[in-house]
């Protein structure tokens, strides 16, 4: 069974940092697009950052560029999201996602939730002012 399990969420003050982890089991993503999404109450799920496991290529949405960093430990099959200088509008449930399709880079469809077949259960991030 393919599973993604997120951890590392919590509550911080504005300007603080958190590091999220997404551990994959049941499948080793060697040439796949993986992503972090987030969803705040009453809002649509939005893409935060993506990572192509074949090359290590990354994309960041404009609202996190320069503050967040996505990375992966290939040996452990864990995807990370380092979040620095967190702001109250970063408050959301953060989800890890993976596209089973191999040899297709993240590309133009990288922030479409429907592209991804596997999702974690989410981890809550709360930032207070």
Protein backbone atom coordinates (compact mmCIF):
# COMPACT_ATOMS: atom_id res chain seq x y z
CA UNK A 1 0.00 0.00 0.00
CA UNK A 2 1.35 3.41 -0.99
CA UNK A 3 1.31 5.84 1.91
CA UNK A 4 2.51 9.37 2.55
CA UNK A 5 2.76 10.48 6.17
CA UNK A 6 3.45 14.10 7.07
CA UNK A 7 4.89 15.34 10.34
CA UNK A 8 6.51 18.44 11.78
CA UNK A 9 3.59 20.83 11.96
CA UNK A 10 2.93 22.98 15.00
CA UNK A 11 2.34 26.48 16.32
CA UNK A 12 4.91 29.24 16.00
CA UNK A 13 5.04 33.00 16.23
CA UNK A 14 5.50 35.17 13.16
CA UNK A 15 9.09 35.03 11.98
CA UNK A 16 9.57 31.50 13.28
CA UNK A 17 10.51 28.33 11.42
CA UNK A 18 9.21 24.80 11.03
CA UNK A 19 10.42 21.81 9.03
CA UNK A 20 7.81 19.45 7.63
CA UNK A 21 8.58 15.86 6.66
CA UNK A 22 6.72 13.49 4.35
CA UNK A 23 7.72 9.86 4.61
CA UNK A 24 6.73 7.65 1.71
CA UNK A 25 6.20 3.92 2.04
CA UNK A 26 5.11 1.25 -0.39
CA UNK A 27 6.71 2.95 -3.40
CA UNK A 28 10.05 4.57 -4.06
CA UNK A 29 9.61 7.71 -6.10
CA UNK A 30 12.67 7.73 -8.37
CA UNK A 31 11.45 9.75 -11.38
CA UNK A 32 8.29 11.40 -10.11
CA UNK A 33 6.90 14.78 -9.28
CA UNK A 34 6.22 15.33 -5.59
CA UNK A 35 4.69 18.41 -4.03
CA UNK A 36 3.63 20.27 -0.95
CA UNK A 37 0.19 21.84 -0.95
CA UNK A 38 -1.66 23.78 1.73
CA UNK A 39 -5.25 24.56 2.50
CA UNK A 40 -6.52 27.23 4.85
CA UNK A 41 -10.10 27.14 6.20
CA UNK A 42 -12.55 28.32 3.58
CA UNK A 43 -9.92 28.43 0.86
CA UNK A 44 -8.94 26.16 -2.01
CA UNK A 45 -5.95 23.90 -1.80
CA UNK A 46 -2.92 25.64 -3.30
CA UNK A 47 0.45 24.41 -4.42
CA UNK A 48 3.43 25.52 -2.35
CA UNK A 49 6.44 23.83 -3.93
CA UNK A 50 7.34 20.85 -6.08
CA UNK A 51 10.30 18.50 -6.37
CA UNK A 52 11.12 16.22 -9.30
CA UNK A 53 12.87 13.19 -7.83
CA UNK A 54 14.67 12.33 -11.07
CA UNK A 55 16.77 15.50 -11.19
CA UNK A 56 16.13 17.33 -7.94
CA UNK A 57 14.50 20.17 -9.83
CA UNK A 58 12.31 22.46 -7.74
CA UNK A 59 9.59 25.05 -8.18
CA UNK A 60 8.18 27.48 -5.63
CA UNK A 61 5.00 29.40 -5.65
CA UNK A 62 5.56 33.13 -5.51
CA UNK A 63 4.20 33.57 -2.00
CA UNK A 64 6.88 31.31 -0.46
CA UNK A 65 9.84 32.00 -2.69
CA UNK A 66 12.88 32.93 -0.65
CA UNK A 67 11.33 31.68 2.60
CA UNK A 68 10.61 27.98 2.02
CA UNK A 69 12.89 25.24 0.70
CA UNK A 70 11.86 21.82 -0.58
CA UNK A 71 14.31 18.94 -0.45
CA UNK A 72 14.39 15.16 -0.40
CA UNK A 73 16.45 12.44 1.19
CA UNK A 74 16.43 9.90 -1.64
CA UNK A 75 17.83 7.08 0.46
CA UNK A 76 15.15 7.48 3.14
CA UNK A 77 12.37 8.35 0.67
CA UNK A 78 11.46 11.45 2.71
CA UNK A 79 10.39 14.81 1.28
CA UNK A 80 10.99 17.91 3.39
CA UNK A 81 9.71 21.47 3.48
CA UNK A 82 11.82 23.91 5.46
CA UNK A 83 9.72 26.95 6.27
CA UNK A 84 11.40 30.13 7.50
CA UNK A 85 10.06 33.57 8.35
CA UNK A 86 6.57 32.17 8.75
CA UNK A 87 3.70 34.65 8.66
CA UNK A 88 0.11 34.40 9.91
CA UNK A 89 -1.17 33.95 6.35
CA UNK A 90 0.92 30.76 6.13
CA UNK A 91 -1.49 29.19 8.60
CA UNK A 92 -3.00 26.13 6.93
CA UNK A 93 -3.02 22.37 6.80
CA UNK A 94 -0.04 21.27 4.74
CA UNK A 95 -0.24 18.19 2.54
CA UNK A 96 2.35 16.11 0.77
CA UNK A 97 1.39 14.69 -2.64
CA UNK A 98 2.95 12.40 -5.21
CA UNK A 99 2.31 11.70 -8.87
CA UNK A 100 2.80 8.01 -9.73
CA UNK A 101 3.53 8.84 -13.36
CA UNK A 102 7.22 8.26 -14.00
CA UNK A 103 9.54 10.26 -16.22
CA UNK A 104 7.25 13.29 -16.34
CA UNK A 105 8.68 16.41 -14.77
CA UNK A 106 6.54 18.67 -12.66
CA UNK A 107 6.08 21.28 -15.39
CA UNK A 108 3.06 23.44 -16.10
CA UNK A 109 0.58 21.18 -14.26
CA UNK A 110 2.62 21.13 -11.07
CA UNK A 111 0.03 22.94 -8.91
CA UNK A 112 -3.04 21.05 -10.11
CA UNK A 113 -4.23 18.85 -7.22
CA UNK A 114 -5.93 16.47 -9.66
CA UNK A 115 -2.52 15.52 -11.05
CA UNK A 116 -1.50 13.76 -7.84
CA UNK A 117 -2.76 10.31 -6.91
CA UNK A 118 -1.26 9.93 -3.45
CA UNK A 119 -1.87 12.33 -0.59
CA UNK A 120 -0.89 12.41 3.03
CA UNK A 121 -3.29 13.14 5.84
CA UNK A 122 -1.99 16.65 6.39
CA UNK A 123 -0.19 18.43 9.20
CA UNK A 124 -1.41 21.66 10.77
CA UNK A 125 0.75 24.78 10.77
CA UNK A 126 -0.45 27.72 12.85
CA UNK A 127 1.39 31.06 12.88
CA UNK A 128 0.42 33.73 15.38
CA UNK A 129 1.19 37.42 15.08
